[in-house]
Structures are given as C-alpha cells and as structure tokens.
Amino acid sequence: CCISDIHIGVHQNSSQWHNITLDWAKWLAKELKAKDVQDIIISGDFFHYRHEIAVNTIHFVTEILTVWKDFNIIMVVGNHDAYYKDKSDVNSLSILDGRTNITTISSLTGVSLFGKRAVFCPWGTRAEDIPACDIIFGHFEIQSFMQNSFKICDTGVRANDLLKKAGLVISGHFHLRNERSYDNGTILYLGNPFQMDFGDVDSVKGYYLLDLNTLTYEFTENTLSPEHKKI
C-alpha cells in the first residue's frame, strides 16, 4: 500500500482532525487486511508541524500505530517531518525508531524488493545522487506538476532527471493526485489520503496498491472521510 502526506497534527493539533485521521486509519487497516496486504509505504509528511509536535499529537500517534501494529511500515522523511529546509537528518520520525514493524528513511537508501531494485529518497535528495534502479519512492518537488489547485511548480527537480534513474517514480509532497506518463517512464504523485482544506475541493483521495513484481498499481477511493464543498 502506498500513501503519503497524512499530516498528523494538522489544523493546530485539532482533536477533530485527530479523530478524522483515526477513522481513516481504521478504515485503511480493514481494507488492507481484507486484501491480504501487509506492507505500507508512506512517502513523507507523516507529521504536519516541522519544528515542534504537541503532546496530544504524540499521544494520538500511538493510537494510529496501534491500529497499524500488524503491518510492516516504511516511512520516508518528508519536508514537514524534517527540521531543516533542505535535508532530513534531523527529523520527527526519529521518535518512532525502535518499533519493530517500522523502518524510517532519513538518508538515500537502496534495497531489493521482490527482485526489483528500489531506492527510497527522503526530502532533500538530489537527483544526481540517485543510483539507477527499477522504482523510486520519494518526497520530491517536481517541476511542472500542480502544487495545489491553482499553482504549477516552477522550481525543484526536473521530471526527466528522475526518469533517467528509474522508469517509475512514486512521490509524496503535492496533495493533488497526479499520474503522468513520459516516453521513458511514469511519475505518480500519491496525494494526501483524505481532504484537509479547501485546496482539496473536487479532488478524489484514497490509496494505491502496488504490485512490485509487475510494477503496476491500482487506486482505491477513500469513501469514508469528510469532503470540502464550495457552495
């Protein structure tokens, strides 16, 4: 299961949004267990606030991770998880180190998964540092993709520089889902798993299931969480 940008603590560590997140986490766990899926990859921004995490949010995270205790989870550091603006070595995910079912990625990491070479890229990873592989999981700011419903990204890494390294790039960071195919591969922005503000109006949220044997994926819509409507 591939998800991203949960932003736990969003809206000033609101208890209402904690409850929305918990309802979604329980729904996701039920969905994945029904489909016999045991692995979750989170492509960044598990937490919302970069410089401090409220006690109620820390307490709430233990509830989420209890719901997900039966899953193997890989978490990539996103920009909201990182203390510094351009690197990920100091990050909030470090408080989860030591949990046997969670692996946090704070530096460029390559692994073999089901015969495929996968590279995990936390926030701040440079395209030129990524080795050639089959699939890249990251938290990238990629030029020409929609940052939100009205602004196109004109900074960051170029799509072609990433696709020189792998034929499939799966990324968090931007909250609008986006799938774009090129001559030499595909870039998939996962988007956030549920709507969080009015920038998400008319945006369908959910999760992706990735088959690492074939490098194909399918999307399942989140039909549980509340939606924002402009009237």
Protein backbone atom coordinates (compact mmCIF):
# COMPACT_ATOMS: atom_id res chain seq x y z
CA CYS A 1 0.00 0.00 0.00
CA CYS A 2 1.38 3.40 -1.00
CA ILE A 3 0.17 6.53 0.80
CA SER A 4 1.60 9.93 1.66
CA ASP A 5 1.07 13.28 3.38
CA ILE A 6 -1.03 12.24 6.37
CA HIS A 7 -0.01 15.43 8.22
CA ILE A 8 -0.87 14.28 11.72
CA GLY A 9 -1.45 17.36 13.85
CA VAL A 10 -2.90 19.43 11.00
CA HIS A 11 -5.07 22.44 11.90
CA GLN A 12 -3.34 23.35 15.16
CA ASN A 13 -3.35 19.79 16.51
CA SER A 14 -7.13 19.76 16.36
CA SER A 15 -8.79 16.85 18.20
CA GLN A 16 -11.46 16.85 15.49
CA TRP A 17 -8.79 16.20 12.85
CA HIS A 18 -7.15 13.60 15.06
CA ASN A 19 -10.48 11.76 15.05
CA ILE A 20 -10.86 12.10 11.28
CA THR A 21 -7.36 10.66 10.87
CA LEU A 22 -8.04 7.80 13.28
CA ASP A 23 -11.28 6.87 11.50
CA TRP A 24 -9.38 6.81 8.21
CA ALA A 25 -6.53 4.73 9.70
CA LYS A 26 -9.01 2.12 10.96
CA TRP A 27 -10.74 2.06 7.56
CA LEU A 28 -7.42 1.61 5.76
CA ALA A 29 -6.37 -1.22 8.07
CA LYS A 30 -9.65 -3.02 7.45
CA GLU A 31 -9.29 -2.53 3.68
CA LEU A 32 -5.74 -3.84 3.58
CA LYS A 33 -6.39 -6.86 5.79
CA ALA A 34 -9.32 -7.83 3.56
CA LYS A 35 -6.96 -7.72 0.57
CA ASP A 36 -4.16 -9.57 2.40
CA VAL A 37 -1.80 -6.58 2.14
CA GLN A 38 0.84 -6.48 4.87
CA ASP A 39 3.17 -3.67 3.78
CA ILE A 40 2.67 0.11 3.83
CA ILE A 41 4.99 2.71 2.30
CA ILE A 42 4.45 6.30 3.46
CA SER A 43 6.18 8.77 1.12
CA GLY A 44 6.69 11.61 3.56
CA ASP A 45 4.90 14.11 5.80
CA PHE A 46 3.64 11.74 8.47
CA PHE A 47 3.61 14.73 10.82
CA HIS A 48 2.40 18.23 10.00
CA TYR A 49 4.47 20.68 12.04
CA ARG A 50 8.21 20.76 11.42
CA HIS A 51 9.60 22.50 14.49
CA GLU A 52 7.50 21.08 17.31
CA ILE A 53 4.91 18.37 17.90
CA ALA A 54 2.19 18.86 20.52
CA VAL A 55 1.85 16.34 23.33
CA ASN A 56 -1.70 15.48 22.29
CA THR A 57 -0.46 14.69 18.78
CA ILE A 58 2.35 12.49 20.11
CA HIS A 59 -0.20 10.67 22.25
CA PHE A 60 -2.52 10.32 19.26
CA VAL A 61 0.22 8.81 17.08
CA THR A 62 0.44 5.87 19.47
CA GLU A 63 -3.24 5.18 18.74
CA ILE A 64 -2.62 5.21 14.99
CA LEU A 65 0.37 2.91 15.27
CA THR A 66 -1.58 0.53 17.50
CA VAL A 67 -4.20 0.26 14.75
CA TRP A 68 -1.39 -0.47 12.27
CA LYS A 69 0.65 -2.77 14.52
CA ASP A 70 0.21 -5.79 12.20
CA PHE A 71 1.68 -4.03 9.15
CA ASN A 72 5.28 -3.61 8.03
CA ILE A 73 5.67 0.14 7.53
CA ILE A 74 8.36 2.12 5.72
CA MET A 75 8.28 5.88 6.36
CA VAL A 76 10.23 8.30 4.19
CA VAL A 77 11.09 11.66 5.79
CA GLY A 78 9.17 14.50 4.11
CA ASN A 79 9.76 18.23 4.38
CA HIS A 80 7.18 18.52 7.19
CA ASP A 81 8.99 15.78 9.09
CA ALA A 82 12.41 17.43 8.68
CA TYR A 83 13.75 20.17 10.94
CA TYR A 84 15.95 21.75 8.28
CA LYS A 85 14.60 23.03 4.97
CA ASP A 86 16.92 21.13 2.65
CA LYS A 87 17.96 17.94 4.46
CA SER A 88 16.40 15.15 6.51
CA ASP A 89 18.98 14.01 9.03
CA VAL A 90 17.20 15.74 11.94
CA ASN A 91 13.57 14.68 11.83
CA SER A 92 10.47 13.94 13.90
CA LEU A 93 10.21 10.33 12.68
CA SER A 94 13.18 9.51 14.87
CA ILE A 95 10.81 9.19 17.85
CA LEU A 96 9.47 6.04 16.14
CA ASP A 97 12.88 4.35 15.93
CA GLY A 98 12.93 1.05 17.77
CA ARG A 99 9.44 -0.06 16.76
CA THR A 100 9.94 -3.47 15.21
CA ASN A 101 7.40 -3.01 12.42
CA ILE A 102 8.54 0.49 11.33
CA THR A 103 11.55 1.50 9.23
CA THR A 104 12.23 5.22 8.91
CA ILE A 105 14.22 6.52 5.93
CA SER A 106 16.25 9.67 6.58
CA SER A 107 19.01 9.12 4.00
CA LEU A 108 19.19 7.76 0.47
CA THR A 109 18.54 4.01 0.79
CA GLY A 110 18.55 1.29 -1.85
CA VAL A 111 17.03 -2.15 -1.26
CA SER A 112 15.94 -5.21 -3.22
CA LEU A 113 12.20 -5.86 -3.07
CA PHE A 114 10.73 -8.91 -4.81
CA GLY A 115 13.56 -8.92 -7.30
CA LYS A 116 13.27 -5.21 -8.05
CA ARG A 117 15.81 -2.57 -7.14
CA ALA A 118 14.05 0.15 -5.14
CA VAL A 119 15.52 3.42 -3.88
CA PHE A 120 13.95 5.48 -1.08
CA CYS A 121 14.67 9.21 -1.23
CA PRO A 122 13.86 11.45 1.75
CA TRP A 123 13.38 15.20 1.46
CA GLY A 124 16.46 16.97 0.13
CA THR A 125 17.73 14.09 -2.02
CA ARG A 126 19.39 15.30 -5.22
CA ALA A 127 18.51 13.56 -8.49
CA GLU A 128 22.19 13.21 -9.42
CA ASP A 129 22.82 11.17 -6.24
CA ILE A 130 20.17 8.55 -7.02
CA PRO A 131 21.55 5.31 -8.47
CA ALA A 132 19.90 3.56 -11.41
CA CYS A 133 17.05 1.36 -10.22
CA ASP A 134 13.61 0.00 -11.10
CA ILE A 135 11.50 2.22 -8.86
CA ILE A 136 11.99 5.36 -6.79
CA PHE A 137 9.95 6.24 -3.71
CA GLY A 138 10.47 9.81 -2.58
CA HIS A 139 9.25 13.17 -1.45
CA PHE A 140 10.06 15.41 -4.38
CA GLU A 141 9.21 18.89 -5.61
CA ILE A 142 8.99 18.20 -9.34
CA GLN A 143 8.75 20.98 -11.90
CA SER A 144 5.56 21.37 -13.98
CA PHE A 145 3.31 19.46 -11.54
CA MET A 146 0.44 21.13 -9.68
CA GLN A 147 1.47 22.32 -6.23
CA ASN A 148 -2.19 22.99 -5.47
CA SER A 149 -5.39 23.71 -7.39
CA PHE A 150 -4.10 26.98 -8.84
CA LYS A 151 -0.27 26.95 -8.92
CA ILE A 152 2.13 24.97 -11.09
CA CYS A 153 5.53 24.18 -9.57
CA ASP A 154 8.34 26.04 -11.33
CA THR A 155 11.19 25.05 -9.00
CA GLY A 156 12.75 21.81 -7.81
CA VAL A 157 13.88 18.74 -9.73
CA ARG A 158 13.08 18.07 -13.39
CA ALA A 159 10.97 15.05 -14.23
CA ASN A 160 13.45 13.84 -16.83
CA ASP A 161 16.31 13.85 -14.31
CA LEU A 162 14.37 11.40 -12.13
CA LEU A 163 13.23 9.23 -15.03
CA LYS A 164 16.84 8.82 -16.12
CA LYS A 165 17.29 6.83 -12.90
CA ALA A 166 14.08 4.73 -12.84
CA GLY A 167 11.08 4.03 -15.04
CA LEU A 168 8.62 4.52 -12.17
CA VAL A 169 8.76 7.36 -9.62
CA ILE A 170 6.25 7.40 -6.76
CA SER A 171 6.25 10.61 -4.73
CA GLY A 172 4.60 12.44 -1.92
CA HIS A 173 4.65 16.21 -1.27
CA PHE A 174 1.96 17.72 -3.53
CA HIS A 175 -1.54 16.97 -2.26
CA LEU A 176 -3.27 16.58 -5.62
CA ARG A 177 -3.02 13.10 -7.10
CA ASN A 178 -1.30 13.16 -10.46
CA GLU A 179 -0.18 10.44 -12.84
CA ARG A 180 1.90 11.46 -15.80
CA SER A 181 3.41 9.15 -18.42
CA TYR A 182 6.50 10.01 -20.45
CA ASP A 183 8.39 8.20 -23.19
CA ASN A 184 10.85 6.86 -20.63
CA GLY A 185 8.57 6.20 -17.65
CA THR A 186 5.85 7.33 -15.26
CA ILE A 187 5.66 9.73 -12.33
CA LEU A 188 2.89 9.20 -9.79
CA TYR A 189 2.03 11.74 -7.11
CA LEU A 190 0.07 9.89 -4.42
CA GLY A 191 -1.66 12.97 -2.97
CA ASN A 192 -2.96 13.13 0.58
CA PRO A 193 -5.24 10.25 1.68
CA PHE A 194 -8.17 12.47 2.69
CA GLN A 195 -9.16 16.10 2.12
CA MET A 196 -7.61 18.53 4.60
CA ASP A 197 -8.63 22.01 3.39
CA PHE A 198 -10.43 23.84 0.61
CA GLY A 199 -7.47 23.36 -1.71
CA ASP A 200 -8.68 19.76 -1.95
CA VAL A 201 -12.14 20.61 -3.30
CA ASP A 202 -13.19 18.17 -6.08
CA SER A 203 -10.02 16.11 -5.53
CA VAL A 204 -10.60 12.36 -5.15
CA LYS A 205 -8.50 10.85 -2.37
CA GLY A 206 -7.54 7.29 -1.50
CA TYR A 207 -4.68 4.80 -1.53
CA TYR A 208 -2.69 2.86 -4.11
CA LEU A 209 -1.81 -0.82 -4.14
CA LEU A 210 1.48 -1.52 -5.89
CA ASP A 211 2.46 -4.90 -7.34
CA LEU A 212 6.25 -4.92 -7.12
CA ASN A 213 6.51 -7.97 -9.38
CA THR A 214 4.94 -6.16 -12.33
CA LEU A 215 5.40 -2.53 -11.18
CA THR A 216 1.70 -1.92 -11.80
CA TYR A 217 -0.68 -0.21 -9.39
CA GLU A 218 -4.35 0.43 -8.78
CA PHE A 219 -6.18 3.20 -6.94
CA THR A 220 -8.93 2.77 -4.34
CA GLU A 221 -11.05 5.78 -3.42
CA ASN A 222 -11.48 6.91 0.16
CA THR A 223 -15.26 6.98 0.60
CA LEU A 224 -15.17 7.49 4.35
CA SER A 225 -13.54 10.83 5.17
CA PRO A 226 -15.34 14.20 5.02
CA GLU A 227 -15.09 16.37 1.92
CA HIS A 228 -14.87 20.13 1.45
CA LYS A 229 -17.57 21.68 -0.73
CA LYS A 230 -17.79 25.18 -2.18
CA ILE A 231 -21.39 26.36 -2.49
